[in-house]
Structures are given as structure tokens and as C-alpha cells.
Amino acid sequence: MNLRYLVAAIACFLAANGCYELFHRLGSHVDDQGILHEPFGLIPLGWLFVLAGAVLLVLSLARRK
């Protein structure tokens, strides 16, 4: 059963990495009216994936013993 937690933790870490990579690739820009456009929602989503991955990793290690 701990293998499921480990795979889910790795998937969460990969999703977090994808969020950060997408944030940097999309970039930010200011339009003609002076409004800043940036994909700010990807940063907290990445942190959420990191937190979920860490919890799943701890559960995986706890179930191992």
C-alpha cells in the first residue's frame, strides 16, 4: 500500500515542478492600458502540490515500517 503513496507523492512533486515551469515560461507582460498580466495562480497551486507531496511522502515512509 505504501507504493501508492510514493507514486502519488512523486506525481505531486512533478505537478508542482510543472506549475513553476509553466509560470516562468508564460511570463508576465503589461498591456497597452497599463494592466499587469501574469499567471499568479500557478505559484500557490505549486506550493499546494509540494505540501500534498510532502504529506504523501511522510505517509509512505510511515506505512513502510
N, C-alpha and C. Protein backbone atom coordinates (compact mmCIF):
# COMPACT_ATOMS: atom_id res chain seq x y z
N MET A 1 0.83 -1.19 0.00
CA MET A 1 0.00 0.00 0.00
C MET A 1 0.87 1.26 0.00
N ASN A 2 2.05 1.20 0.56
CA ASN A 2 2.90 2.39 0.62
C ASN A 2 3.41 2.79 -0.76
N LEU A 3 3.41 1.85 -1.71
CA LEU A 3 3.85 2.19 -3.07
C LEU A 3 2.88 3.17 -3.72
N ARG A 4 1.60 3.05 -3.40
CA ARG A 4 0.61 4.00 -3.93
C ARG A 4 0.88 5.41 -3.43
N TYR A 5 1.20 5.54 -2.15
CA TYR A 5 1.51 6.85 -1.59
C TYR A 5 2.77 7.43 -2.21
N LEU A 6 3.75 6.58 -2.43
CA LEU A 6 5.00 7.04 -3.01
C LEU A 6 4.80 7.52 -4.45
N VAL A 7 4.03 6.79 -5.22
CA VAL A 7 3.75 7.19 -6.61
C VAL A 7 2.94 8.48 -6.63
N ALA A 8 1.98 8.61 -5.73
CA ALA A 8 1.19 9.84 -5.65
C ALA A 8 2.05 11.03 -5.23
N ALA A 9 3.00 10.80 -4.33
CA ALA A 9 3.91 11.87 -3.90
C ALA A 9 4.78 12.33 -5.05
N ILE A 10 5.30 11.38 -5.81
CA ILE A 10 6.13 11.74 -6.97
C ILE A 10 5.30 12.50 -7.99
N ALA A 11 4.06 12.08 -8.21
CA ALA A 11 3.18 12.79 -9.15
C ALA A 11 2.91 14.22 -8.68
N CYS A 12 2.73 14.41 -7.38
CA CYS A 12 2.51 15.75 -6.85
C CYS A 12 3.74 16.63 -7.03
N PHE A 13 4.91 16.07 -6.78
CA PHE A 13 6.14 16.85 -6.97
C PHE A 13 6.35 17.21 -8.44
N LEU A 14 6.02 16.29 -9.33
CA LEU A 14 6.13 16.59 -10.76
C LEU A 14 5.12 17.66 -11.19
N ALA A 15 3.91 17.61 -10.63
CA ALA A 15 2.91 18.62 -10.93
C ALA A 15 3.35 19.99 -10.42
N ALA A 16 3.97 20.02 -9.24
CA ALA A 16 4.48 21.29 -8.70
C ALA A 16 5.58 21.85 -9.59
N ASN A 17 6.46 20.97 -10.03
CA ASN A 17 7.51 21.40 -10.94
C ASN A 17 6.91 21.94 -12.24
N GLY A 18 5.87 21.28 -12.72
CA GLY A 18 5.20 21.75 -13.93
C GLY A 18 4.57 23.13 -13.74
N CYS A 19 4.00 23.37 -12.56
CA CYS A 19 3.41 24.69 -12.29
C CYS A 19 4.46 25.78 -12.31
N TYR A 20 5.59 25.52 -11.68
CA TYR A 20 6.64 26.52 -11.64
C TYR A 20 7.25 26.75 -13.02
N GLU A 21 7.44 25.67 -13.76
CA GLU A 21 7.99 25.80 -15.11
C GLU A 21 7.03 26.56 -16.02
N LEU A 22 5.75 26.27 -15.91
CA LEU A 22 4.75 26.98 -16.71
C LEU A 22 4.68 28.45 -16.34
N PHE A 23 4.81 28.76 -15.06
CA PHE A 23 4.80 30.16 -14.62
C PHE A 23 5.95 30.93 -15.27
N HIS A 24 7.12 30.31 -15.32
CA HIS A 24 8.28 31.00 -15.89
C HIS A 24 8.20 31.07 -17.41
N ARG A 25 7.64 30.06 -18.03
CA ARG A 25 7.55 30.07 -19.49
C ARG A 25 6.49 31.06 -20.00
N LEU A 26 5.38 31.16 -19.28
CA LEU A 26 4.33 32.09 -19.71
C LEU A 26 4.76 33.54 -19.53
N GLY A 27 5.47 33.81 -18.46
CA GLY A 27 5.97 35.16 -18.23
C GLY A 27 4.88 36.15 -17.88
N SER A 28 5.29 37.39 -17.71
CA SER A 28 4.38 38.48 -17.38
C SER A 28 4.53 39.58 -18.41
N HIS A 29 3.46 40.30 -18.61
CA HIS A 29 3.54 41.44 -19.52
C HIS A 29 2.52 42.50 -19.10
N VAL A 30 2.80 43.72 -19.49
CA VAL A 30 1.91 44.85 -19.23
C VAL A 30 1.26 45.23 -20.55
N ASP A 31 -0.07 45.28 -20.55
CA ASP A 31 -0.76 45.61 -21.80
C ASP A 31 -0.76 47.12 -22.05
N ASP A 32 -1.41 47.55 -23.11
CA ASP A 32 -1.41 48.96 -23.50
C ASP A 32 -2.09 49.86 -22.48
N GLN A 33 -2.97 49.30 -21.68
CA GLN A 33 -3.68 50.11 -20.68
C GLN A 33 -2.96 50.12 -19.33
N GLY A 34 -1.81 49.50 -19.26
CA GLY A 34 -1.02 49.52 -18.04
C GLY A 34 -1.39 48.44 -17.04
N ILE A 35 -2.09 47.40 -17.47
CA ILE A 35 -2.50 46.33 -16.56
C ILE A 35 -1.51 45.18 -16.68
N LEU A 36 -1.05 44.72 -15.53
CA LEU A 36 -0.11 43.61 -15.48
C LEU A 36 -0.86 42.29 -15.62
N HIS A 37 -0.40 41.46 -16.53
CA HIS A 37 -0.97 40.14 -16.74
C HIS A 37 0.10 39.11 -16.42
N GLU A 38 -0.18 38.27 -15.42
CA GLU A 38 0.74 37.21 -15.06
C GLU A 38 -0.05 36.03 -14.52
N PRO A 39 0.46 34.82 -14.70
CA PRO A 39 -0.24 33.63 -14.20
C PRO A 39 0.06 33.40 -12.72
N PHE A 40 -0.38 34.33 -11.88
CA PHE A 40 -0.03 34.28 -10.47
C PHE A 40 -0.62 33.06 -9.76
N GLY A 41 -1.72 32.53 -10.24
CA GLY A 41 -2.37 31.39 -9.59
C GLY A 41 -1.53 30.13 -9.60
N LEU A 42 -0.54 30.06 -10.48
CA LEU A 42 0.29 28.87 -10.55
C LEU A 42 1.25 28.75 -9.36
N ILE A 43 1.59 29.87 -8.73
CA ILE A 43 2.52 29.82 -7.60
C ILE A 43 1.88 29.13 -6.38
N PRO A 44 0.70 29.57 -5.92
CA PRO A 44 0.11 28.86 -4.77
C PRO A 44 -0.31 27.43 -5.12
N LEU A 45 -0.67 27.20 -6.36
CA LEU A 45 -1.00 25.84 -6.77
C LEU A 45 0.23 24.94 -6.69
N GLY A 46 1.38 25.47 -7.07
CA GLY A 46 2.62 24.71 -6.95
C GLY A 46 2.95 24.41 -5.50
N TRP A 47 2.76 25.38 -4.61
CA TRP A 47 3.00 25.14 -3.19
C TRP A 47 2.05 24.11 -2.63
N LEU A 48 0.80 24.12 -3.11
CA LEU A 48 -0.18 23.13 -2.66
C LEU A 48 0.25 21.73 -3.07
N PHE A 49 0.76 21.58 -4.29
CA PHE A 49 1.26 20.28 -4.75
C PHE A 49 2.48 19.85 -3.94
N VAL A 50 3.36 20.78 -3.60
CA VAL A 50 4.53 20.44 -2.79
C VAL A 50 4.10 19.97 -1.41
N LEU A 51 3.14 20.65 -0.80
CA LEU A 51 2.65 20.26 0.52
C LEU A 51 1.99 18.88 0.46
N ALA A 52 1.16 18.66 -0.54
CA ALA A 52 0.50 17.36 -0.68
C ALA A 52 1.52 16.26 -0.92
N GLY A 53 2.54 16.54 -1.73
CA GLY A 53 3.58 15.56 -1.97
C GLY A 53 4.36 15.23 -0.72
N ALA A 54 4.64 16.23 0.09
CA ALA A 54 5.37 16.00 1.33
C ALA A 54 4.56 15.16 2.30
N VAL A 55 3.27 15.45 2.41
CA VAL A 55 2.40 14.65 3.29
C VAL A 55 2.33 13.21 2.80
N LEU A 56 2.17 13.02 1.50
CA LEU A 56 2.11 11.67 0.96
C LEU A 56 3.44 10.93 1.13
N LEU A 57 4.53 11.64 1.03
CA LEU A 57 5.84 11.02 1.23
C LEU A 57 6.01 10.57 2.68
N VAL A 58 5.58 11.39 3.61
CA VAL A 58 5.65 11.01 5.03
C VAL A 58 4.75 9.81 5.30
N LEU A 59 3.56 9.81 4.72
CA LEU A 59 2.67 8.66 4.89
C LEU A 59 3.27 7.40 4.29
N SER A 60 3.92 7.53 3.17
CA SER A 60 4.56 6.38 2.54
C SER A 60 5.66 5.81 3.44
N LEU A 61 6.45 6.70 4.04
CA LEU A 61 7.53 6.24 4.91
C LEU A 61 6.98 5.68 6.22
N ALA A 62 5.87 6.23 6.72
CA ALA A 62 5.28 5.76 7.96
C ALA A 62 4.64 4.38 7.77
N ARG A 63 4.04 4.15 6.64
CA ARG A 63 3.41 2.87 6.38
C ARG A 63 4.42 1.77 6.05
N ARG A 64 5.62 2.18 5.77
CA ARG A 64 6.68 1.24 5.39
C ARG A 64 7.11 0.38 6.56
N LYS A 65 7.05 0.93 7.74
CA LYS A 65 7.55 0.22 8.93
C LYS A 65 6.50 -0.62 9.59
